[in-house]
Amino acid sequence: MERGLAVTDHKGSILIVEDSDTLRQMLTMALEERGYQVTGAPDGITALHALAEDLPDAILLDLNLPDIDGFELCKRMKSAPSSHAIPILVMTSLTQPGFEIMAIEAGADDFVTKPVDPLVLDARIQMVMRRMRRERFTNTVTDLPSAAIIEERLAFLATRMRPFAVTFVDIDNFRPFNLKYHVSRGDLLLRHLAELINESLQFVECEDAFVGHLGSDNFVVVCGPDKAEGVARGIAQAFDMSVMDYYGDEDRDRGYFALTDVDGSEVRYGPLTLSIGVVPVVDEFPDSVVTLMDVGLEALACAREEEGTTVVVAPFKQPADGSGPGTTCP
């Protein structure tokens, strides 16, 4: 792991994951000249170690790495509670058709074309960092509380030591949908889902309800443990009944939209679905928000293993050895 020169008043900290020593050094010099603090990693393992030591403001990632597949590394970084909100810019070549689809599905936030223009790179880094800062407290698409407020709310509930439930809601294949129909259509769908969540909470008359938008297609819902599953199933049913309204006319008639992958093959995506993980916190209480989020992510992983919109209920249990939530799929 390489650290660049210290900068007193820097524009942000960047982790560059690139196996080419020459390119990594060139990018480091270009970014340091523009006021960034830079850490370099020649492979995926070194990058993960760097993230464990210090979280950067943005990550510049080359997907052709010698150890971990770049797409898999991107997924790992985006699935970890500590780094899921860090924007990842993927370096790509115009000669790689369908490359963007796989990167978007892996969680990439933006792209930088090779050969990298330092001025363009600087502008794109600043763009994604501004977007993340704005969304730290309020999501700009749905106007719902974002990461900082969600963490504060969950920390309060955990320390209050009274039963509650947290529901995690994700849209499956949302990134390909955004690529097909562009961000404006994706934003409409996100606002629609936010409305469905609030309507479901009102329908079951959930007390002390809270809805937050972590970012992208990730929502967090707080409700009483006795009503949380009912809220989740209400959201699921309403979404399945309405999601095709957001497809183009031709795609809606045939029941899917299509994109072209790296090999030039057509990839079809049917009606978008939801993965929902419900975590009732009743008998045991989390010692941190991260522990609670880990259980939620495990529940979401279980839901994604099933076809169609799926609700998984995983009551919270404190890990015995602190190694992880240990949730098993039903």
C-alpha atoms as a PDB file:
ATOM      1  CA  MET A   1       0.000   0.000   0.000  1.00  0.00           C
ATOM      2  CA  GLU A   2       1.407   3.374  -1.051  1.00  0.00           C
ATOM      3  CA  ARG A   3       0.612   6.743   0.474  1.00  0.00           C
ATOM      4  CA  GLY A   4       1.118   9.982  -1.424  1.00  0.00           C
ATOM      5  CA  LEU A   5       2.479  13.234  -0.085  1.00  0.00           C
ATOM      6  CA  ALA A   6       0.622  14.793   2.822  1.00  0.00           C
ATOM      7  CA  VAL A   7      -1.508  17.764   1.842  1.00  0.00           C
ATOM      8  CA  THR A   8      -2.589  20.231   4.500  1.00  0.00           C
ATOM      9  CA  ASP A   9      -5.686  21.575   2.748  1.00  0.00           C
ATOM     10  CA  HIS A  10      -6.637  18.736   0.435  1.00  0.00           C
ATOM     11  CA  LYS A  11      -9.713  18.370  -1.772  1.00  0.00           C
ATOM     12  CA  GLY A  12     -10.338  14.832  -0.601  1.00  0.00           C
ATOM     13  CA  SER A  13      -8.709  11.445  -0.097  1.00  0.00           C
ATOM     14  CA  ILE A  14      -8.567   8.971  -2.982  1.00  0.00           C
ATOM     15  CA  LEU A  15      -7.753   5.262  -3.056  1.00  0.00           C
ATOM     16  CA  ILE A  16      -6.357   4.215  -6.452  1.00  0.00           C
ATOM     17  CA  VAL A  17      -6.616   0.466  -7.152  1.00  0.00           C
ATOM     18  CA  GLU A  18      -4.487  -0.190 -10.230  1.00  0.00           C
ATOM     19  CA  ASP A  19      -2.007  -3.012 -10.896  1.00  0.00           C
ATOM     20  CA  SER A  20       0.135  -1.019 -13.331  1.00  0.00           C
ATOM     21  CA  ASP A  21       2.853   0.726 -11.309  1.00  0.00           C
ATOM     22  CA  THR A  22       3.383   3.289 -14.056  1.00  0.00           C
ATOM     23  CA  LEU A  23      -0.277   4.252 -14.423  1.00  0.00           C
ATOM     24  CA  ARG A  24      -0.846   4.239 -10.669  1.00  0.00           C
ATOM     25  CA  GLN A  25       2.085   6.600 -10.135  1.00  0.00           C
ATOM     26  CA  MET A  26       0.967   8.882 -12.968  1.00  0.00           C
ATOM     27  CA  LEU A  27      -2.549   9.104 -11.526  1.00  0.00           C
ATOM     28  CA  THR A  28      -1.165   9.689  -8.040  1.00  0.00           C
ATOM     29  CA  MET A  29       1.009  12.576  -9.246  1.00  0.00           C
ATOM     30  CA  ALA A  30      -1.837  14.109 -11.267  1.00  0.00           C
ATOM     31  CA  LEU A  31      -4.267  14.001  -8.349  1.00  0.00           C
ATOM     32  CA  GLU A  32      -1.728  15.241  -5.788  1.00  0.00           C
ATOM     33  CA  GLU A  33      -0.977  18.208  -8.050  1.00  0.00           C
ATOM     34  CA  ARG A  34      -4.697  19.022  -7.884  1.00  0.00           C
ATOM     35  CA  GLY A  35      -4.821  18.897  -4.091  1.00  0.00           C
ATOM     36  CA  TYR A  36      -5.865  15.325  -3.314  1.00  0.00           C
ATOM     37  CA  GLN A  37      -4.429  12.983  -0.704  1.00  0.00           C
ATOM     38  CA  VAL A  38      -3.761   9.685  -2.474  1.00  0.00           C
ATOM     39  CA  THR A  39      -3.260   6.092  -1.378  1.00  0.00           C
ATOM     40  CA  GLY A  40      -2.314   3.468  -3.956  1.00  0.00           C
ATOM     41  CA  ALA A  41      -3.043  -0.261  -4.020  1.00  0.00           C
ATOM     42  CA  PRO A  42      -1.642  -2.641  -6.680  1.00  0.00           C
ATOM     43  CA  ASP A  43      -4.252  -5.367  -6.095  1.00  0.00           C
ATOM     44  CA  GLY A  44      -7.580  -6.165  -4.454  1.00  0.00           C
ATOM     45  CA  ILE A  45      -6.250  -7.568  -1.175  1.00  0.00           C
ATOM     46  CA  THR A  46      -4.117  -4.467  -0.581  1.00  0.00           C
ATOM     47  CA  ALA A  47      -7.140  -2.301  -1.379  1.00  0.00           C
ATOM     48  CA  LEU A  48      -9.281  -4.098   1.221  1.00  0.00           C
ATOM     49  CA  HIS A  49      -6.511  -3.701   3.821  1.00  0.00           C
ATOM     50  CA  ALA A  50      -6.327   0.012   2.981  1.00  0.00           C
ATOM     51  CA  LEU A  51     -10.074   0.374   3.517  1.00  0.00           C
ATOM     52  CA  ALA A  52      -9.792  -1.343   6.896  1.00  0.00           C
ATOM     53  CA  GLU A  53      -7.191   1.210   7.981  1.00  0.00           C
ATOM     54  CA  ASP A  54      -8.723   4.410   6.627  1.00  0.00           C
ATOM     55  CA  LEU A  55     -11.817   5.213   4.562  1.00  0.00           C
ATOM     56  CA  PRO A  56     -11.203   7.446   1.520  1.00  0.00           C
ATOM     57  CA  ASP A  57     -13.620   9.968   0.055  1.00  0.00           C
ATOM     58  CA  ALA A  58     -13.620   8.159  -3.301  1.00  0.00           C
ATOM     59  CA  ILE A  59     -12.143   5.061  -4.955  1.00  0.00           C
ATOM     60  CA  LEU A  60     -10.645   4.906  -8.468  1.00  0.00           C
ATOM     61  CA  LEU A  61     -10.782   1.274  -9.577  1.00  0.00           C
ATOM     62  CA  ASP A  62      -9.272  -0.623 -12.480  1.00  0.00           C
ATOM     63  CA  LEU A  63     -11.140  -3.920 -12.864  1.00  0.00           C
ATOM     64  CA  ASN A  64      -8.212  -5.888 -14.346  1.00  0.00           C
ATOM     65  CA  LEU A  65      -6.489  -6.903 -11.108  1.00  0.00           C
ATOM     66  CA  PRO A  66      -4.055  -9.799 -10.529  1.00  0.00           C
ATOM     67  CA  ASP A  67      -5.819 -11.365  -7.531  1.00  0.00           C
ATOM     68  CA  ILE A  68      -9.503 -10.495  -7.051  1.00  0.00           C
ATOM     69  CA  ASP A  69     -11.843  -9.996  -9.983  1.00  0.00           C
ATOM     70  CA  GLY A  70     -12.494  -6.253 -10.178  1.00  0.00           C
ATOM     71  CA  PHE A  71     -16.257  -6.673 -10.377  1.00  0.00           C
ATOM     72  CA  GLU A  72     -16.195  -8.877  -7.277  1.00  0.00           C
ATOM     73  CA  LEU A  73     -14.017  -6.346  -5.439  1.00  0.00           C
ATOM     74  CA  CYS A  74     -16.463  -3.577  -6.315  1.00  0.00           C
ATOM     75  CA  LYS A  75     -19.345  -5.692  -4.960  1.00  0.00           C
ATOM     76  CA  ARG A  76     -17.443  -6.397  -1.724  1.00  0.00           C
ATOM     77  CA  MET A  77     -16.700  -2.741  -1.108  1.00  0.00           C
ATOM     78  CA  LYS A  78     -20.293  -1.728  -1.827  1.00  0.00           C
ATOM     79  CA  SER A  79     -21.775  -4.460   0.379  1.00  0.00           C
ATOM     80  CA  ALA A  80     -19.664  -3.608   3.437  1.00  0.00           C
ATOM     81  CA  PRO A  81     -21.471  -1.249   5.882  1.00  0.00           C
ATOM     82  CA  SER A  82     -18.306   0.787   6.442  1.00  0.00           C
ATOM     83  CA  SER A  83     -17.632   1.475   2.755  1.00  0.00           C
ATOM     84  CA  HIS A  84     -20.975   1.137   0.962  1.00  0.00           C
ATOM     85  CA  ALA A  85     -21.414   4.928   0.711  1.00  0.00           C
ATOM     86  CA  ILE A  86     -17.957   5.604  -0.778  1.00  0.00           C
ATOM     87  CA  PRO A  87     -18.267   6.469  -4.486  1.00  0.00           C
ATOM     88  CA  ILE A  88     -16.394   4.139  -6.832  1.00  0.00           C
ATOM     89  CA  LEU A  89     -15.202   5.404 -10.213  1.00  0.00           C
ATOM     90  CA  VAL A  90     -14.301   2.612 -12.615  1.00  0.00           C
ATOM     91  CA  MET A  91     -11.662   3.085 -15.313  1.00  0.00           C
ATOM     92  CA  THR A  92     -12.956   1.756 -18.618  1.00  0.00           C
ATOM     93  CA  SER A  93     -11.988   1.576 -22.270  1.00  0.00           C
ATOM     94  CA  LEU A  94     -14.229   2.525 -25.170  1.00  0.00           C
ATOM     95  CA  THR A  95     -13.298  -0.809 -26.794  1.00  0.00           C
ATOM     96  CA  GLN A  96     -15.109  -2.827 -24.102  1.00  0.00           C
ATOM     97  CA  PRO A  97     -18.788  -3.137 -25.148  1.00  0.00           C
ATOM     98  CA  GLY A  98     -21.219  -4.026 -22.376  1.00  0.00           C
ATOM     99  CA  PHE A  99     -18.529  -3.356 -19.782  1.00  0.00           C
ATOM    100  CA  GLU A 100     -20.587  -0.618 -18.133  1.00  0.00           C
ATOM    101  CA  ILE A 101     -23.502  -2.970 -17.492  1.00  0.00           C
ATOM    102  CA  MET A 102     -21.408  -5.343 -15.414  1.00  0.00           C
ATOM    103  CA  ALA A 103     -19.747  -2.476 -13.547  1.00  0.00           C
ATOM    104  CA  ILE A 104     -23.090  -0.843 -12.733  1.00  0.00           C
ATOM    105  CA  GLU A 105     -24.459  -4.158 -11.484  1.00  0.00           C
ATOM    106  CA  ALA A 106     -21.371  -4.456  -9.276  1.00  0.00           C
ATOM    107  CA  GLY A 107     -22.082  -1.048  -7.726  1.00  0.00           C
ATOM    108  CA  ALA A 108     -19.954   1.438  -9.682  1.00  0.00           C
ATOM    109  CA  ASP A 109     -21.053   5.063  -9.300  1.00  0.00           C
ATOM    110  CA  ASP A 110     -19.298   6.563 -12.341  1.00  0.00           C
ATOM    111  CA  PHE A 111     -16.810   5.846 -15.126  1.00  0.00           C
ATOM    112  CA  VAL A 112     -13.535   7.351 -16.316  1.00  0.00           C
ATOM    113  CA  THR A 113     -12.389   6.562 -19.858  1.00  0.00           C
ATOM    114  CA  LYS A 114      -8.813   5.457 -20.577  1.00  0.00           C
ATOM    115  CA  PRO A 115      -6.481   7.107 -21.356  1.00  0.00           C
ATOM    116  CA  VAL A 116      -7.424   9.142 -18.281  1.00  0.00           C
ATOM    117  CA  ASP A 117      -7.595  12.914 -18.716  1.00  0.00           C
ATOM    118  CA  PRO A 118      -6.580  14.453 -15.330  1.00  0.00           C
ATOM    119  CA  LEU A 119      -8.979  17.391 -15.780  1.00  0.00           C
ATOM    120  CA  VAL A 120     -11.923  15.081 -16.504  1.00  0.00           C
ATOM    121  CA  LEU A 121     -10.922  12.791 -13.625  1.00  0.00           C
ATOM    122  CA  ASP A 122     -10.791  15.745 -11.226  1.00  0.00           C
ATOM    123  CA  ALA A 123     -14.223  16.936 -12.357  1.00  0.00           C
ATOM    124  CA  ARG A 124     -15.797  13.493 -12.018  1.00  0.00           C
ATOM    125  CA  ILE A 125     -14.312  12.923  -8.562  1.00  0.00           C
ATOM    126  CA  GLN A 126     -15.643  16.271  -7.376  1.00  0.00           C
ATOM    127  CA  MET A 127     -19.063  15.483  -8.869  1.00  0.00           C
ATOM    128  CA  VAL A 128     -19.494  12.159  -7.077  1.00  0.00           C
ATOM    129  CA  MET A 129     -18.096  13.551  -3.817  1.00  0.00           C
ATOM    130  CA  ARG A 130     -20.530  16.497  -3.888  1.00  0.00           C
ATOM    131  CA  ARG A 131     -23.378  14.104  -4.541  1.00  0.00           C
ATOM    132  CA  MET A 132     -22.392  11.907  -1.590  1.00  0.00           C
ATOM    133  CA  ARG A 133     -22.013  14.908   0.736  1.00  0.00           C
ATOM    134  CA  ARG A 134     -25.456  16.218  -0.205  1.00  0.00           C
ATOM    135  CA  GLU A 135     -26.976  12.812   0.428  1.00  0.00           C
ATOM    136  CA  ARG A 136     -25.277  12.405   3.816  1.00  0.00           C
ATOM    137  CA  PHE A 137     -28.290  13.905   5.626  1.00  0.00           C
ATOM    138  CA  THR A 138     -31.144  14.067   3.095  1.00  0.00           C
ATOM    139  CA  ASN A 139     -31.495  12.049  -0.074  1.00  0.00           C
ATOM    140  CA  THR A 140     -31.876  14.505  -2.929  1.00  0.00           C
ATOM    141  CA  VAL A 141     -34.177  12.218  -4.938  1.00  0.00           C
ATOM    142  CA  THR A 142     -36.752  11.204  -2.312  1.00  0.00           C
ATOM    143  CA  ASP A 143     -36.181  13.924   0.340  1.00  0.00           C
ATOM    144  CA  LEU A 144     -36.013  11.143   2.930  1.00  0.00           C
ATOM    145  CA  PRO A 145     -33.455  11.108   5.765  1.00  0.00           C
ATOM    146  CA  SER A 146     -30.151   9.685   4.550  1.00  0.00           C
ATOM    147  CA  ALA A 147     -27.159   7.860   6.057  1.00  0.00           C
ATOM    148  CA  ALA A 148     -26.232  10.117   8.996  1.00  0.00           C
ATOM    149  CA  ILE A 149     -29.822  10.471  10.234  1.00  0.00           C
ATOM    150  CA  ILE A 150     -30.504   6.752   9.728  1.00  0.00           C
ATOM    151  CA  GLU A 151     -27.435   5.814  11.772  1.00  0.00           C
ATOM    152  CA  GLU A 152     -28.455   8.236  14.505  1.00  0.00           C
ATOM    153  CA  ARG A 153     -31.979   6.817  14.624  1.00  0.00           C
ATOM    154  CA  LEU A 154     -30.833   3.191  14.756  1.00  0.00           C
ATOM    155  CA  ALA A 155     -28.261   3.987  17.448  1.00  0.00           C
ATOM    156  CA  PHE A 156     -30.985   5.617  19.562  1.00  0.00           C
ATOM    157  CA  LEU A 157     -33.293   2.614  19.173  1.00  0.00           C
ATOM    158  CA  ALA A 158     -30.523   0.172  20.080  1.00  0.00           C
ATOM    159  CA  THR A 159     -29.588   2.039  23.269  1.00  0.00           C
ATOM    160  CA  ARG A 160     -33.213   2.558  24.313  1.00  0.00           C
ATOM    161  CA  MET A 161     -33.487  -1.223  24.794  1.00  0.00           C
ATOM    162  CA  ARG A 162     -37.120  -1.495  23.702  1.00  0.00           C
ATOM    163  CA  PRO A 163     -38.363  -3.888  20.993  1.00  0.00           C
ATOM    164  CA  PHE A 164     -38.362  -2.563  17.429  1.00  0.00           C
ATOM    165  CA  ALA A 165     -37.836  -3.872  13.919  1.00  0.00           C
ATOM    166  CA  VAL A 166     -35.744  -2.633  11.027  1.00  0.00           C
ATOM    167  CA  THR A 167     -36.660  -3.520   7.456  1.00  0.00           C
ATOM    168  CA  PHE A 168     -34.147  -3.229   4.627  1.00  0.00           C
ATOM    169  CA  VAL A 169     -35.582  -2.775   1.115  1.00  0.00           C
ATOM    170  CA  ASP A 170     -33.584  -3.072  -2.131  1.00  0.00           C
ATOM    171  CA  ILE A 171     -34.683  -3.010  -5.762  1.00  0.00           C
ATOM    172  CA  ASP A 172     -33.165  -5.931  -7.657  1.00  0.00           C
ATOM    173  CA  ASN A 173     -31.478  -5.015 -10.965  1.00  0.00           C
ATOM    174  CA  PHE A 174     -32.069  -1.308 -10.420  1.00  0.00           C
ATOM    175  CA  ARG A 175     -28.740  -0.330 -11.965  1.00  0.00           C
ATOM    176  CA  PRO A 176     -29.479  -2.028 -15.317  1.00  0.00           C
ATOM    177  CA  PHE A 177     -32.891  -0.309 -15.243  1.00  0.00           C
ATOM    178  CA  ASN A 178     -31.107   3.036 -14.791  1.00  0.00           C
ATOM    179  CA  LEU A 179     -28.767   2.227 -17.653  1.00  0.00           C
ATOM    180  CA  LYS A 180     -31.690   1.352 -19.936  1.00  0.00           C
ATOM    181  CA  TYR A 181     -34.041   4.206 -19.080  1.00  0.00           C
ATOM    182  CA  HIS A 182     -31.564   6.739 -17.657  1.00  0.00           C
ATOM    183  CA  VAL A 183     -31.422   8.325 -14.228  1.00  0.00           C
ATOM    184  CA  SER A 184     -34.550  10.456 -14.600  1.00  0.00           C
ATOM    185  CA  ARG A 185     -36.776   7.364 -14.972  1.00  0.00           C
ATOM    186  CA  GLY A 186     -34.905   5.636 -12.158  1.00  0.00           C
ATOM    187  CA  ASP A 187     -35.526   8.619  -9.882  1.00  0.00           C
ATOM    188  CA  LEU A 188     -39.248   8.411 -10.616  1.00  0.00           C
ATOM    189  CA  LEU A 189     -39.229   4.756  -9.591  1.00  0.00           C
ATOM    190  CA  LEU A 190     -37.354   5.537  -6.368  1.00  0.00           C
ATOM    191  CA  ARG A 191     -39.878   8.227  -5.434  1.00  0.00           C
ATOM    192  CA  HIS A 192     -42.674   5.797  -6.212  1.00  0.00           C
ATOM    193  CA  LEU A 193     -41.186   3.166  -3.900  1.00  0.00           C
ATOM    194  CA  ALA A 194     -40.790   5.774  -1.147  1.00  0.00           C
ATOM    195  CA  GLU A 195     -44.501   6.562  -1.497  1.00  0.00           C
ATOM    196  CA  LEU A 196     -45.413   2.870  -1.343  1.00  0.00           C
ATOM    197  CA  ILE A 197     -43.382   2.442   1.846  1.00  0.00           C
ATOM    198  CA  ASN A 198     -45.118   5.378   3.535  1.00  0.00           C
ATOM    199  CA  GLU A 199     -48.535   4.174   2.391  1.00  0.00           C
ATOM    200  CA  SER A 200     -47.887   0.697   3.810  1.00  0.00           C
ATOM    201  CA  LEU A 201     -46.810   2.187   7.153  1.00  0.00           C
ATOM    202  CA  GLN A 202     -49.959   4.304   7.292  1.00  0.00           C
ATOM    203  CA  PHE A 203     -52.178   1.358   6.362  1.00  0.00           C
ATOM    204  CA  VAL A 204     -51.021  -0.761   9.316  1.00  0.00           C
ATOM    205  CA  GLU A 205     -50.928   2.301  11.620  1.00  0.00           C
ATOM    206  CA  CYS A 206     -47.351   1.717  12.673  1.00  0.00           C
ATOM    207  CA  GLU A 207     -46.364   3.879  15.656  1.00  0.00           C
ATOM    208  CA  ASP A 208     -42.975   5.670  15.774  1.00  0.00           C
ATOM    209  CA  ALA A 209     -42.468   4.834  12.109  1.00  0.00           C
ATOM    210  CA  PHE A 210     -39.325   5.975  10.339  1.00  0.00           C
ATOM    211  CA  VAL A 211     -38.273   5.760   6.685  1.00  0.00           C
ATOM    212  CA  GLY A 212     -34.765   6.480   5.439  1.00  0.00           C
ATOM    213  CA  HIS A 213     -33.029   6.292   2.075  1.00  0.00           C
ATOM    214  CA  LEU A 214     -29.444   5.043   2.408  1.00  0.00           C
ATOM    215  CA  GLY A 215     -28.667   5.781  -1.218  1.00  0.00           C
ATOM    216  CA  SER A 216     -29.145   4.263  -4.656  1.00  0.00           C
ATOM    217  CA  ASP A 217     -32.061   1.785  -4.279  1.00  0.00           C
ATOM    218  CA  ASN A 218     -31.518   1.020  -0.564  1.00  0.00           C
ATOM    219  CA  PHE A 219     -34.244   1.955   1.926  1.00  0.00           C
ATOM    220  CA  VAL A 220     -34.540   1.453   5.681  1.00  0.00           C
ATOM    221  CA  VAL A 221     -37.894   1.240   7.483  1.00  0.00           C
ATOM    222  CA  VAL A 222     -38.442   1.209  11.251  1.00  0.00           C
ATOM    223  CA  CYS A 223     -41.663  -0.105  12.765  1.00  0.00           C
ATOM    224  CA  GLY A 224     -42.863  -2.121  15.729  1.00  0.00           C
ATOM    225  CA  PRO A 225     -41.821  -5.804  15.595  1.00  0.00           C
ATOM    226  CA  ASP A 226     -45.452  -6.955  15.571  1.00  0.00           C
ATOM    227  CA  LYS A 227     -46.281  -5.063  12.380  1.00  0.00           C
ATOM    228  CA  ALA A 228     -42.983  -4.979  10.482  1.00  0.00           C
ATOM    229  CA  GLU A 229     -43.573  -8.104   8.396  1.00  0.00           C
ATOM    230  CA  GLY A 230     -47.047  -6.895   7.422  1.00  0.00           C
ATOM    231  CA  VAL A 231     -45.565  -3.574   6.298  1.00  0.00           C
ATOM    232  CA  ALA A 232     -42.928  -5.404   4.252  1.00  0.00           C
ATOM    233  CA  ARG A 233     -45.460  -7.626   2.498  1.00  0.00           C
ATOM    234  CA  GLY A 234     -47.653  -4.609   1.761  1.00  0.00           C
ATOM    235  CA  ILE A 235     -44.695  -2.849   0.122  1.00  0.00           C
ATOM    236  CA  ALA A 236     -43.859  -5.985  -1.869  1.00  0.00           C
ATOM    237  CA  GLN A 237     -47.374  -6.462  -3.182  1.00  0.00           C
ATOM    238  CA  ALA A 238     -47.852  -2.813  -4.154  1.00  0.00           C
ATOM    239  CA  PHE A 239     -44.493  -2.696  -5.931  1.00  0.00           C
ATOM    240  CA  ASP A 240     -45.141  -5.863  -7.947  1.00  0.00           C
ATOM    241  CA  MET A 241     -48.506  -4.493  -9.062  1.00  0.00           C
ATOM    242  CA  SER A 242     -47.123  -1.157 -10.268  1.00  0.00           C
ATOM    243  CA  VAL A 243     -43.494  -1.529 -11.372  1.00  0.00           C
ATOM    244  CA  MET A 244     -44.262  -2.274 -15.042  1.00  0.00           C
ATOM    245  CA  ASP A 245     -45.856   1.178 -15.328  1.00  0.00           C
ATOM    246  CA  TYR A 246     -42.290   2.529 -15.376  1.00  0.00           C
ATOM    247  CA  TYR A 247     -41.196   0.446 -18.384  1.00  0.00           C
ATOM    248  CA  GLY A 248     -41.352   1.695 -21.967  1.00  0.00           C
ATOM    249  CA  ASP A 249     -44.457   0.729 -23.921  1.00  0.00           C
ATOM    250  CA  GLU A 250     -42.727  -1.937 -26.018  1.00  0.00           C
ATOM    251  CA  ASP A 251     -40.875  -3.406 -23.050  1.00  0.00           C
ATOM    252  CA  ARG A 252     -44.043  -3.444 -20.963  1.00  0.00           C
ATOM    253  CA  ASP A 253     -45.934  -5.309 -23.685  1.00  0.00           C
ATOM    254  CA  ARG A 254     -43.260  -8.009 -24.006  1.00  0.00           C
ATOM    255  CA  GLY A 255     -42.581  -8.160 -20.254  1.00  0.00           C
ATOM    256  CA  TYR A 256     -38.869  -7.292 -20.185  1.00  0.00           C
ATOM    257  CA  PHE A 257     -36.195  -4.814 -21.216  1.00  0.00           C
ATOM    258  CA  ALA A 258     -32.890  -5.847 -22.790  1.00  0.00           C
ATOM    259  CA  LEU A 259     -29.249  -4.733 -22.665  1.00  0.00           C
ATOM    260  CA  THR A 260     -26.129  -5.983 -24.432  1.00  0.00           C
ATOM    261  CA  ASP A 261     -23.375  -7.575 -22.317  1.00  0.00           C
ATOM    262  CA  VAL A 262     -19.604  -7.663 -22.798  1.00  0.00           C
ATOM    263  CA  ASP A 263     -19.832 -10.585 -25.242  1.00  0.00           C
ATOM    264  CA  GLY A 264     -22.419  -8.797 -27.356  1.00  0.00           C
ATOM    265  CA  SER A 265     -25.189 -11.090 -26.128  1.00  0.00           C
ATOM    266  CA  GLU A 266     -28.633  -9.818 -25.201  1.00  0.00           C
ATOM    267  CA  VAL A 267     -29.436  -9.836 -21.478  1.00  0.00           C
ATOM    268  CA  ARG A 268     -33.132  -9.704 -20.621  1.00  0.00           C
ATOM    269  CA  TYR A 269     -34.535  -8.252 -17.401  1.00  0.00           C
ATOM    270  CA  GLY A 270     -38.136  -9.033 -16.534  1.00  0.00           C
ATOM    271  CA  PRO A 271     -40.247  -7.034 -14.084  1.00  0.00           C
ATOM    272  CA  LEU A 272     -38.051  -5.545 -11.364  1.00  0.00           C
ATOM    273  CA  THR A 273     -38.479  -7.152  -7.960  1.00  0.00           C
ATOM    274  CA  LEU A 274     -37.698  -6.288  -4.347  1.00  0.00           C
ATOM    275  CA  SER A 275     -35.455  -8.002  -1.838  1.00  0.00           C
ATOM    276  CA  ILE A 276     -36.667  -7.242   1.682  1.00  0.00           C
ATOM    277  CA  GLY A 277     -35.018  -8.222   4.941  1.00  0.00           C
ATOM    278  CA  VAL A 278     -36.979  -7.752   8.176  1.00  0.00           C
ATOM    279  CA  VAL A 279     -34.918  -7.742  11.382  1.00  0.00           C
ATOM    280  CA  PRO A 280     -37.062  -7.801  14.565  1.00  0.00           C
ATOM    281  CA  VAL A 281     -35.031  -6.712  17.600  1.00  0.00           C
ATOM    282  CA  VAL A 282     -36.836  -8.122  20.623  1.00  0.00           C
ATOM    283  CA  ASP A 283     -34.873 -10.385  22.959  1.00  0.00           C
ATOM    284  CA  GLU A 284     -31.329  -9.225  22.191  1.00  0.00           C
ATOM    285  CA  PHE A 285     -30.105  -5.745  21.297  1.00  0.00           C
ATOM    286  CA  PRO A 286     -27.190  -4.801  19.020  1.00  0.00           C
ATOM    287  CA  ASP A 287     -24.034  -3.348  20.523  1.00  0.00           C
ATOM    288  CA  SER A 288     -23.596  -1.111  17.457  1.00  0.00           C
ATOM    289  CA  VAL A 289     -25.372   0.074  14.341  1.00  0.00           C
ATOM    290  CA  VAL A 290     -22.811  -1.841  12.245  1.00  0.00           C
ATOM    291  CA  THR A 291     -23.798  -5.116  13.917  1.00  0.00           C
ATOM    292  CA  LEU A 292     -27.465  -4.423  13.199  1.00  0.00           C
ATOM    293  CA  MET A 293     -26.707  -3.482   9.588  1.00  0.00           C
ATOM    294  CA  ASP A 294     -24.724  -6.692   9.142  1.00  0.00           C
ATOM    295  CA  VAL A 295     -27.765  -8.766  10.084  1.00  0.00           C
ATOM    296  CA  GLY A 296     -29.900  -6.709   7.691  1.00  0.00           C
ATOM    297  CA  LEU A 297     -27.455  -7.270   4.843  1.00  0.00           C
ATOM    298  CA  GLU A 298     -27.431 -11.007   5.540  1.00  0.00           C
ATOM    299  CA  ALA A 299     -31.239 -11.050   5.412  1.00  0.00           C
ATOM    300  CA  LEU A 300     -31.140  -9.177   2.096  1.00  0.00           C
ATOM    301  CA  ALA A 301     -28.629 -11.688   0.741  1.00  0.00           C
ATOM    302  CA  CYS A 302     -31.030 -14.492   1.645  1.00  0.00           C
ATOM    303  CA  ALA A 303     -33.902 -12.701  -0.089  1.00  0.00           C
ATOM    304  CA  ARG A 304     -31.847 -12.219  -3.259  1.00  0.00           C
ATOM    305  CA  GLU A 305     -31.295 -15.967  -3.516  1.00  0.00           C
ATOM    306  CA  GLU A 306     -35.006 -16.447  -4.213  1.00  0.00           C
ATOM    307  CA  GLU A 307     -36.803 -15.654  -7.458  1.00  0.00           C
ATOM    308  CA  GLY A 308     -39.230 -12.764  -7.510  1.00  0.00           C
ATOM    309  CA  THR A 309     -39.978 -10.284  -4.769  1.00  0.00           C
ATOM    310  CA  THR A 310     -39.049 -11.936  -1.474  1.00  0.00           C
ATOM    311  CA  VAL A 311     -39.442 -11.041   2.202  1.00  0.00           C
ATOM    312  CA  VAL A 312     -37.043 -12.692   4.669  1.00  0.00           C
ATOM    313  CA  VAL A 313     -37.521 -12.317   8.437  1.00  0.00           C
ATOM    314  CA  ALA A 314     -34.311 -12.717  10.463  1.00  0.00           C
ATOM    315  CA  PRO A 315     -34.706 -11.947  14.199  1.00  0.00           C
ATOM    316  CA  PHE A 316     -31.651 -10.199  15.588  1.00  0.00           C
ATOM    317  CA  LYS A 317     -29.154 -12.284  17.551  1.00  0.00           C
ATOM    318  CA  GLN A 318     -25.952 -10.824  18.942  1.00  0.00           C
ATOM    319  CA  PRO A 319     -22.900 -12.653  17.472  1.00  0.00           C
ATOM    320  CA  ALA A 320     -21.317 -14.790  20.181  1.00  0.00           C
ATOM    321  CA  ASP A 321     -17.719 -14.207  19.066  1.00  0.00           C
ATOM    322  CA  GLY A 322     -18.081 -10.882  17.275  1.00  0.00           C
ATOM    323  CA  SER A 323     -17.100 -12.473  13.961  1.00  0.00           C
ATOM    324  CA  GLY A 324     -20.361 -11.705  12.181  1.00  0.00           C
ATOM    325  CA  PRO A 325     -24.127 -12.025  12.327  1.00  0.00           C
ATOM    326  CA  GLY A 326     -24.202 -15.685  11.375  1.00  0.00           C
ATOM    327  CA  THR A 327     -27.628 -15.423   9.787  1.00  0.00           C
ATOM    328  CA  THR A 328     -28.698 -18.581   7.951  1.00  0.00           C
ATOM    329  CA  CYS A 329     -31.233 -18.454   5.160  1.00  0.00           C
ATOM    330  CA  PRO A 330     -34.551 -20.189   5.876  1.00  0.00           C
END
